[in-house]
Amino acid sequence: MSAATKPLIELVQELPPDIQAEVRDFVEFLLVKRARTPAKKLRRDWAGMLSDMRDQYTSLELQHKALE
């Protein structure tokens, strides 16, 4: 039977114990990653907040202010 047709459990059982532990860690990581809650949608309540500053500052000045 080729490795492609063997059940996953049989393939893992053929590995040495230290590699089996790595497989376990990786599978647990994948399960946790999958179970994470989806990212929240981006808020857009900031849109237009700088419109009053647009005439007051140049883009370079706004960059300097952002670094302050």
PDB file of N, CA and C in Angstrom:
ATOM      1  N   MET A   1       0.850  -1.183   0.000  1.00  0.00           N
ATOM      2  CA  MET A   1       0.000   0.000   0.000  1.00  0.00           C
ATOM      3  C   MET A   1       0.892   1.240   0.000  1.00  0.00           C
ATOM      4  N   SER A   2       0.622   2.172  -0.886  1.00  0.00           N
ATOM      5  CA  SER A   2       1.447   3.388  -0.966  1.00  0.00           C
ATOM      6  C   SER A   2       1.093   4.345   0.170  1.00  0.00           C
ATOM      7  N   ALA A   3       2.010   5.242   0.434  1.00  0.00           N
ATOM      8  CA  ALA A   3       1.795   6.213   1.518  1.00  0.00           C
ATOM      9  C   ALA A   3       0.577   7.085   1.250  1.00  0.00           C
ATOM     10  N   ALA A   4       0.251   7.312  -0.016  1.00  0.00           N
ATOM     11  CA  ALA A   4      -0.887   8.159  -0.360  1.00  0.00           C
ATOM     12  C   ALA A   4      -2.214   7.501  -0.020  1.00  0.00           C
ATOM     13  N   THR A   5      -2.238   6.187   0.042  1.00  0.00           N
ATOM     14  CA  THR A   5      -3.494   5.498   0.308  1.00  0.00           C
ATOM     15  C   THR A   5      -3.615   5.019   1.752  1.00  0.00           C
ATOM     16  N   LYS A   6      -2.539   5.114   2.530  1.00  0.00           N
ATOM     17  CA  LYS A   6      -2.591   4.696   3.940  1.00  0.00           C
ATOM     18  C   LYS A   6      -3.345   5.742   4.752  1.00  0.00           C
ATOM     19  N   PRO A   7      -4.082   5.299   5.743  1.00  0.00           N
ATOM     20  CA  PRO A   7      -4.722   6.268   6.649  1.00  0.00           C
ATOM     21  C   PRO A   7      -3.657   7.070   7.399  1.00  0.00           C
ATOM     22  N   LEU A   8      -3.987   8.265   7.740  1.00  0.00           N
ATOM     23  CA  LEU A   8      -3.050   9.170   8.405  1.00  0.00           C
ATOM     24  C   LEU A   8      -2.509   8.570   9.697  1.00  0.00           C
ATOM     25  N   ILE A   9      -3.357   7.938  10.460  1.00  0.00           N
ATOM     26  CA  ILE A   9      -2.930   7.363  11.736  1.00  0.00           C
ATOM     27  C   ILE A   9      -1.835   6.324  11.540  1.00  0.00           C
ATOM     28  N   GLU A  10      -1.935   5.530  10.486  1.00  0.00           N
ATOM     29  CA  GLU A  10      -0.905   4.526  10.214  1.00  0.00           C
ATOM     30  C   GLU A  10       0.417   5.194   9.832  1.00  0.00           C
ATOM     31  N   LEU A  11       0.346   6.237   9.047  1.00  0.00           N
ATOM     32  CA  LEU A  11       1.564   6.948   8.669  1.00  0.00           C
ATOM     33  C   LEU A  11       2.251   7.537   9.895  1.00  0.00           C
ATOM     34  N   VAL A  12       1.484   8.135  10.780  1.00  0.00           N
ATOM     35  CA  VAL A  12       2.045   8.742  11.982  1.00  0.00           C
ATOM     36  C   VAL A  12       2.653   7.666  12.874  1.00  0.00           C
ATOM     37  N   GLN A  13       2.013   6.515  12.969  1.00  0.00           N
ATOM     38  CA  GLN A  13       2.522   5.435  13.818  1.00  0.00           C
ATOM     39  C   GLN A  13       3.849   4.877  13.316  1.00  0.00           C
ATOM     40  N   GLU A  14       4.143   5.062  12.045  1.00  0.00           N
ATOM     41  CA  GLU A  14       5.417   4.595  11.494  1.00  0.00           C
ATOM     42  C   GLU A  14       6.569   5.532  11.826  1.00  0.00           C
ATOM     43  N   LEU A  15       6.255   6.734  12.290  1.00  0.00           N
ATOM     44  CA  LEU A  15       7.291   7.710  12.624  1.00  0.00           C
ATOM     45  C   LEU A  15       7.891   7.420  13.990  1.00  0.00           C
ATOM     46  N   PRO A  16       9.141   7.843  14.203  1.00  0.00           N
ATOM     47  CA  PRO A  16       9.738   7.700  15.536  1.00  0.00           C
ATOM     48  C   PRO A  16       8.985   8.577  16.538  1.00  0.00           C
ATOM     49  N   PRO A  17       9.037   8.238  17.821  1.00  0.00           N
ATOM     50  CA  PRO A  17       8.273   8.966  18.846  1.00  0.00           C
ATOM     51  C   PRO A  17       8.525  10.479  18.873  1.00  0.00           C
ATOM     52  N   ASP A  18       9.766  10.909  18.660  1.00  0.00           N
ATOM     53  CA  ASP A  18      10.033  12.347  18.710  1.00  0.00           C
ATOM     54  C   ASP A  18       9.364  13.078  17.544  1.00  0.00           C
ATOM     55  N   ILE A  19       9.303  12.440  16.382  1.00  0.00           N
ATOM     56  CA  ILE A  19       8.637  13.048  15.231  1.00  0.00           C
ATOM     57  C   ILE A  19       7.115  12.997  15.429  1.00  0.00           C
ATOM     58  N   GLN A  20       6.617  11.942  16.068  1.00  0.00           N
ATOM     59  CA  GLN A  20       5.185  11.868  16.379  1.00  0.00           C
ATOM     60  C   GLN A  20       4.787  13.040  17.279  1.00  0.00           C
ATOM     61  N   ALA A  21       5.665  13.389  18.210  1.00  0.00           N
ATOM     62  CA  ALA A  21       5.388  14.525  19.097  1.00  0.00           C
ATOM     63  C   ALA A  21       5.320  15.828  18.296  1.00  0.00           C
ATOM     64  N   GLU A  22       6.192  15.974  17.301  1.00  0.00           N
ATOM     65  CA  GLU A  22       6.150  17.165  16.446  1.00  0.00           C
ATOM     66  C   GLU A  22       4.852  17.220  15.653  1.00  0.00           C
ATOM     67  N   VAL A  23       4.415  16.058  15.151  1.00  0.00           N
ATOM     68  CA  VAL A  23       3.163  15.995  14.401  1.00  0.00           C
ATOM     69  C   VAL A  23       2.004  16.393  15.303  1.00  0.00           C
ATOM     70  N   ARG A  24       2.014  15.888  16.531  1.00  0.00           N
ATOM     71  CA  ARG A  24       0.962  16.239  17.501  1.00  0.00           C
ATOM     72  C   ARG A  24       0.931  17.744  17.744  1.00  0.00           C
ATOM     73  N   ASP A  25       2.114  18.335  17.974  1.00  0.00           N
ATOM     74  CA  ASP A  25       2.192  19.787  18.202  1.00  0.00           C
ATOM     75  C   ASP A  25       1.637  20.562  17.010  1.00  0.00           C
ATOM     76  N   PHE A  26       1.997  20.122  15.813  1.00  0.00           N
ATOM     77  CA  PHE A  26       1.541  20.820  14.617  1.00  0.00           C
ATOM     78  C   PHE A  26       0.028  20.712  14.458  1.00  0.00           C
ATOM     79  N   VAL A  27      -0.510  19.527  14.694  1.00  0.00           N
ATOM     80  CA  VAL A  27      -1.962  19.333  14.581  1.00  0.00           C
ATOM     81  C   VAL A  27      -2.686  20.188  15.617  1.00  0.00           C
ATOM     82  N   GLU A  28      -2.153  20.241  16.847  1.00  0.00           N
ATOM     83  CA  GLU A  28      -2.773  21.084  17.873  1.00  0.00           C
ATOM     84  C   GLU A  28      -2.725  22.558  17.476  1.00  0.00           C
ATOM     85  N   PHE A  29      -1.602  22.979  16.883  1.00  0.00           N
ATOM     86  CA  PHE A  29      -1.491  24.351  16.396  1.00  0.00           C
ATOM     87  C   PHE A  29      -2.551  24.640  15.341  1.00  0.00           C
ATOM     88  N   LEU A  30      -2.731  23.718  14.397  1.00  0.00           N
ATOM     89  CA  LEU A  30      -3.728  23.914  13.348  1.00  0.00           C
ATOM     90  C   LEU A  30      -5.136  24.001  13.926  1.00  0.00           C
ATOM     91  N   LEU A  31      -5.426  23.190  14.927  1.00  0.00           N
ATOM     92  CA  LEU A  31      -6.751  23.224  15.547  1.00  0.00           C
ATOM     93  C   LEU A  31      -6.997  24.554  16.253  1.00  0.00           C
ATOM     94  N   VAL A  32      -5.984  25.051  16.954  1.00  0.00           N
ATOM     95  CA  VAL A  32      -6.127  26.335  17.648  1.00  0.00           C
ATOM     96  C   VAL A  32      -6.277  27.460  16.635  1.00  0.00           C
ATOM     97  N   LYS A  33      -5.472  27.410  15.586  1.00  0.00           N
ATOM     98  CA  LYS A  33      -5.525  28.447  14.551  1.00  0.00           C
ATOM     99  C   LYS A  33      -6.900  28.488  13.893  1.00  0.00           C
ATOM    100  N   ARG A  34      -7.461  27.330  13.653  1.00  0.00           N
ATOM    101  CA  ARG A  34      -8.773  27.250  13.008  1.00  0.00           C
ATOM    102  C   ARG A  34      -9.882  27.726  13.932  1.00  0.00           C
ATOM    103  N   ALA A  35      -9.707  27.524  15.229  1.00  0.00           N
ATOM    104  CA  ALA A  35     -10.746  27.862  16.204  1.00  0.00           C
ATOM    105  C   ALA A  35     -10.762  29.343  16.569  1.00  0.00           C
ATOM    106  N   ARG A  36      -9.727  30.072  16.181  1.00  0.00           N
ATOM    107  CA  ARG A  36      -9.682  31.497  16.520  1.00  0.00           C
ATOM    108  C   ARG A  36     -10.883  32.211  15.936  1.00  0.00           C
ATOM    109  N   THR A  37     -11.305  33.217  16.667  1.00  0.00           N
ATOM    110  CA  THR A  37     -12.436  33.997  16.174  1.00  0.00           C
ATOM    111  C   THR A  37     -11.972  34.841  14.990  1.00  0.00           C
ATOM    112  N   PRO A  38     -12.829  35.040  14.032  1.00  0.00           N
ATOM    113  CA  PRO A  38     -12.430  35.851  12.878  1.00  0.00           C
ATOM    114  C   PRO A  38     -12.151  37.291  13.301  1.00  0.00           C
ATOM    115  N   ALA A  39     -11.300  37.927  12.556  1.00  0.00           N
ATOM    116  CA  ALA A  39     -10.938  39.310  12.861  1.00  0.00           C
ATOM    117  C   ALA A  39     -12.165  40.204  12.770  1.00  0.00           C
ATOM    118  N   LYS A  40     -12.184  41.202  13.614  1.00  0.00           N
ATOM    119  CA  LYS A  40     -13.288  42.155  13.587  1.00  0.00           C
ATOM    120  C   LYS A  40     -13.192  43.003  12.329  1.00  0.00           C
ATOM    121  N   LYS A  41     -14.331  43.453  11.879  1.00  0.00           N
ATOM    122  CA  LYS A  41     -14.340  44.328  10.718  1.00  0.00           C
ATOM    123  C   LYS A  41     -13.692  45.659  11.089  1.00  0.00           C
ATOM    124  N   LEU A  42     -13.026  46.250  10.118  1.00  0.00           N
ATOM    125  CA  LEU A  42     -12.385  47.533  10.351  1.00  0.00           C
ATOM    126  C   LEU A  42     -13.435  48.624  10.554  1.00  0.00           C
ATOM    127  N   ARG A  43     -13.158  49.463  11.534  1.00  0.00           N
ATOM    128  CA  ARG A  43     -14.051  50.599  11.757  1.00  0.00           C
ATOM    129  C   ARG A  43     -13.728  51.669  10.740  1.00  0.00           C
ATOM    130  N   ARG A  44     -14.723  52.400  10.365  1.00  0.00           N
ATOM    131  CA  ARG A  44     -14.514  53.487   9.414  1.00  0.00           C
ATOM    132  C   ARG A  44     -14.977  54.821   9.985  1.00  0.00           C
ATOM    133  N   ASP A  45     -15.113  54.879  11.299  1.00  0.00           N
ATOM    134  CA  ASP A  45     -15.595  56.111  11.904  1.00  0.00           C
ATOM    135  C   ASP A  45     -14.539  57.223  11.889  1.00  0.00           C
ATOM    136  N   TRP A  46     -13.329  56.875  11.507  1.00  0.00           N
ATOM    137  CA  TRP A  46     -12.265  57.870  11.420  1.00  0.00           C
ATOM    138  C   TRP A  46     -12.280  58.606  10.080  1.00  0.00           C
ATOM    139  N   ALA A  47     -13.038  58.102   9.121  1.00  0.00           N
ATOM    140  CA  ALA A  47     -13.032  58.691   7.771  1.00  0.00           C
ATOM    141  C   ALA A  47     -13.421  60.164   7.834  1.00  0.00           C
ATOM    142  N   GLY A  48     -12.641  60.997   7.180  1.00  0.00           N
ATOM    143  CA  GLY A  48     -12.918  62.425   7.111  1.00  0.00           C
ATOM    144  C   GLY A  48     -12.419  63.225   8.294  1.00  0.00           C
ATOM    145  N   MET A  49     -11.822  62.561   9.270  1.00  0.00           N
ATOM    146  CA  MET A  49     -11.369  63.271  10.471  1.00  0.00           C
ATOM    147  C   MET A  49     -10.277  64.298  10.170  1.00  0.00           C
ATOM    148  N   LEU A  50      -9.483  64.066   9.155  1.00  0.00           N
ATOM    149  CA  LEU A  50      -8.401  64.991   8.848  1.00  0.00           C
ATOM    150  C   LEU A  50      -8.773  66.012   7.780  1.00  0.00           C
ATOM    151  N   SER A  51     -10.024  65.988   7.344  1.00  0.00           N
ATOM    152  CA  SER A  51     -10.401  66.885   6.250  1.00  0.00           C
ATOM    153  C   SER A  51     -10.199  68.351   6.622  1.00  0.00           C
ATOM    154  N   ASP A  52     -10.410  68.706   7.896  1.00  0.00           N
ATOM    155  CA  ASP A  52     -10.209  70.094   8.287  1.00  0.00           C
ATOM    156  C   ASP A  52      -8.724  70.443   8.367  1.00  0.00           C
ATOM    157  N   MET A  53      -7.855  69.461   8.521  1.00  0.00           N
ATOM    158  CA  MET A  53      -6.412  69.696   8.575  1.00  0.00           C
ATOM    159  C   MET A  53      -5.789  69.740   7.184  1.00  0.00           C
ATOM    160  N   ARG A  54      -6.509  69.253   6.206  1.00  0.00           N
ATOM    161  CA  ARG A  54      -5.954  69.144   4.858  1.00  0.00           C
ATOM    162  C   ARG A  54      -5.482  70.502   4.342  1.00  0.00           C
ATOM    163  N   ASP A  55      -6.250  71.528   4.616  1.00  0.00           N
ATOM    164  CA  ASP A  55      -5.882  72.863   4.146  1.00  0.00           C
ATOM    165  C   ASP A  55      -4.871  73.529   5.072  1.00  0.00           C
ATOM    166  N   GLN A  56      -4.742  72.985   6.266  1.00  0.00           N
ATOM    167  CA  GLN A  56      -3.896  73.608   7.265  1.00  0.00           C
ATOM    168  C   GLN A  56      -2.443  73.108   7.175  1.00  0.00           C
ATOM    169  N   TYR A  57      -2.239  71.817   6.823  1.00  0.00           N
ATOM    170  CA  TYR A  57      -0.915  71.220   6.806  1.00  0.00           C
ATOM    171  C   TYR A  57      -0.625  70.577   5.449  1.00  0.00           C
ATOM    172  N   THR A  58       0.649  70.559   5.100  1.00  0.00           N
ATOM    173  CA  THR A  58       1.059  69.804   3.911  1.00  0.00           C
ATOM    174  C   THR A  58       1.205  68.343   4.311  1.00  0.00           C
ATOM    175  N   SER A  59       1.299  67.469   3.341  1.00  0.00           N
ATOM    176  CA  SER A  59       1.456  66.048   3.652  1.00  0.00           C
ATOM    177  C   SER A  59       2.746  65.796   4.423  1.00  0.00           C
ATOM    178  N   LEU A  60       3.794  66.537   4.105  1.00  0.00           N
ATOM    179  CA  LEU A  60       5.058  66.388   4.821  1.00  0.00           C
ATOM    180  C   LEU A  60       4.900  66.799   6.278  1.00  0.00           C
ATOM    181  N   GLU A  61       4.196  67.882   6.526  1.00  0.00           N
ATOM    182  CA  GLU A  61       3.973  68.318   7.903  1.00  0.00           C
ATOM    183  C   GLU A  61       3.135  67.295   8.673  1.00  0.00           C
ATOM    184  N   LEU A  62       2.147  66.709   8.001  1.00  0.00           N
ATOM    185  CA  LEU A  62       1.349  65.679   8.676  1.00  0.00           C
ATOM    186  C   LEU A  62       2.192  64.454   8.999  1.00  0.00           C
ATOM    187  N   GLN A  63       3.138  64.105   8.136  1.00  0.00           N
ATOM    188  CA  GLN A  63       4.027  62.983   8.414  1.00  0.00           C
ATOM    189  C   GLN A  63       4.874  63.284   9.654  1.00  0.00           C
ATOM    190  N   HIS A  64       5.376  64.498   9.743  1.00  0.00           N
ATOM    191  CA  HIS A  64       6.169  64.882  10.900  1.00  0.00           C
ATOM    192  C   HIS A  64       5.324  64.848  12.176  1.00  0.00           C
ATOM    193  N   LYS A  65       4.094  65.311  12.081  1.00  0.00           N
ATOM    194  CA  LYS A  65       3.211  65.278  13.254  1.00  0.00           C
ATOM    195  C   LYS A  65       2.915  63.837  13.680  1.00  0.00           C
ATOM    196  N   ALA A  66       2.770  62.941  12.702  1.00  0.00           N
ATOM    197  CA  ALA A  66       2.488  61.548  13.013  1.00  0.00           C
ATOM    198  C   ALA A  66       3.661  60.903  13.731  1.00  0.00           C
ATOM    199  N   LEU A  67       4.863  61.355  13.445  1.00  0.00           N
ATOM    200  CA  LEU A  67       6.054  60.801  14.096  1.00  0.00           C
ATOM    201  C   LEU A  67       6.284  61.359  15.496  1.00  0.00           C
ATOM    202  N   GLU A  68       5.611  62.436  15.817  1.00  0.00           N
ATOM    203  CA  GLU A  68       5.787  63.055  17.152  1.00  0.00           C
ATOM    204  C   GLU A  68       5.180  62.198  18.234  1.00  0.00           C
TER     205      GLU A  68
END
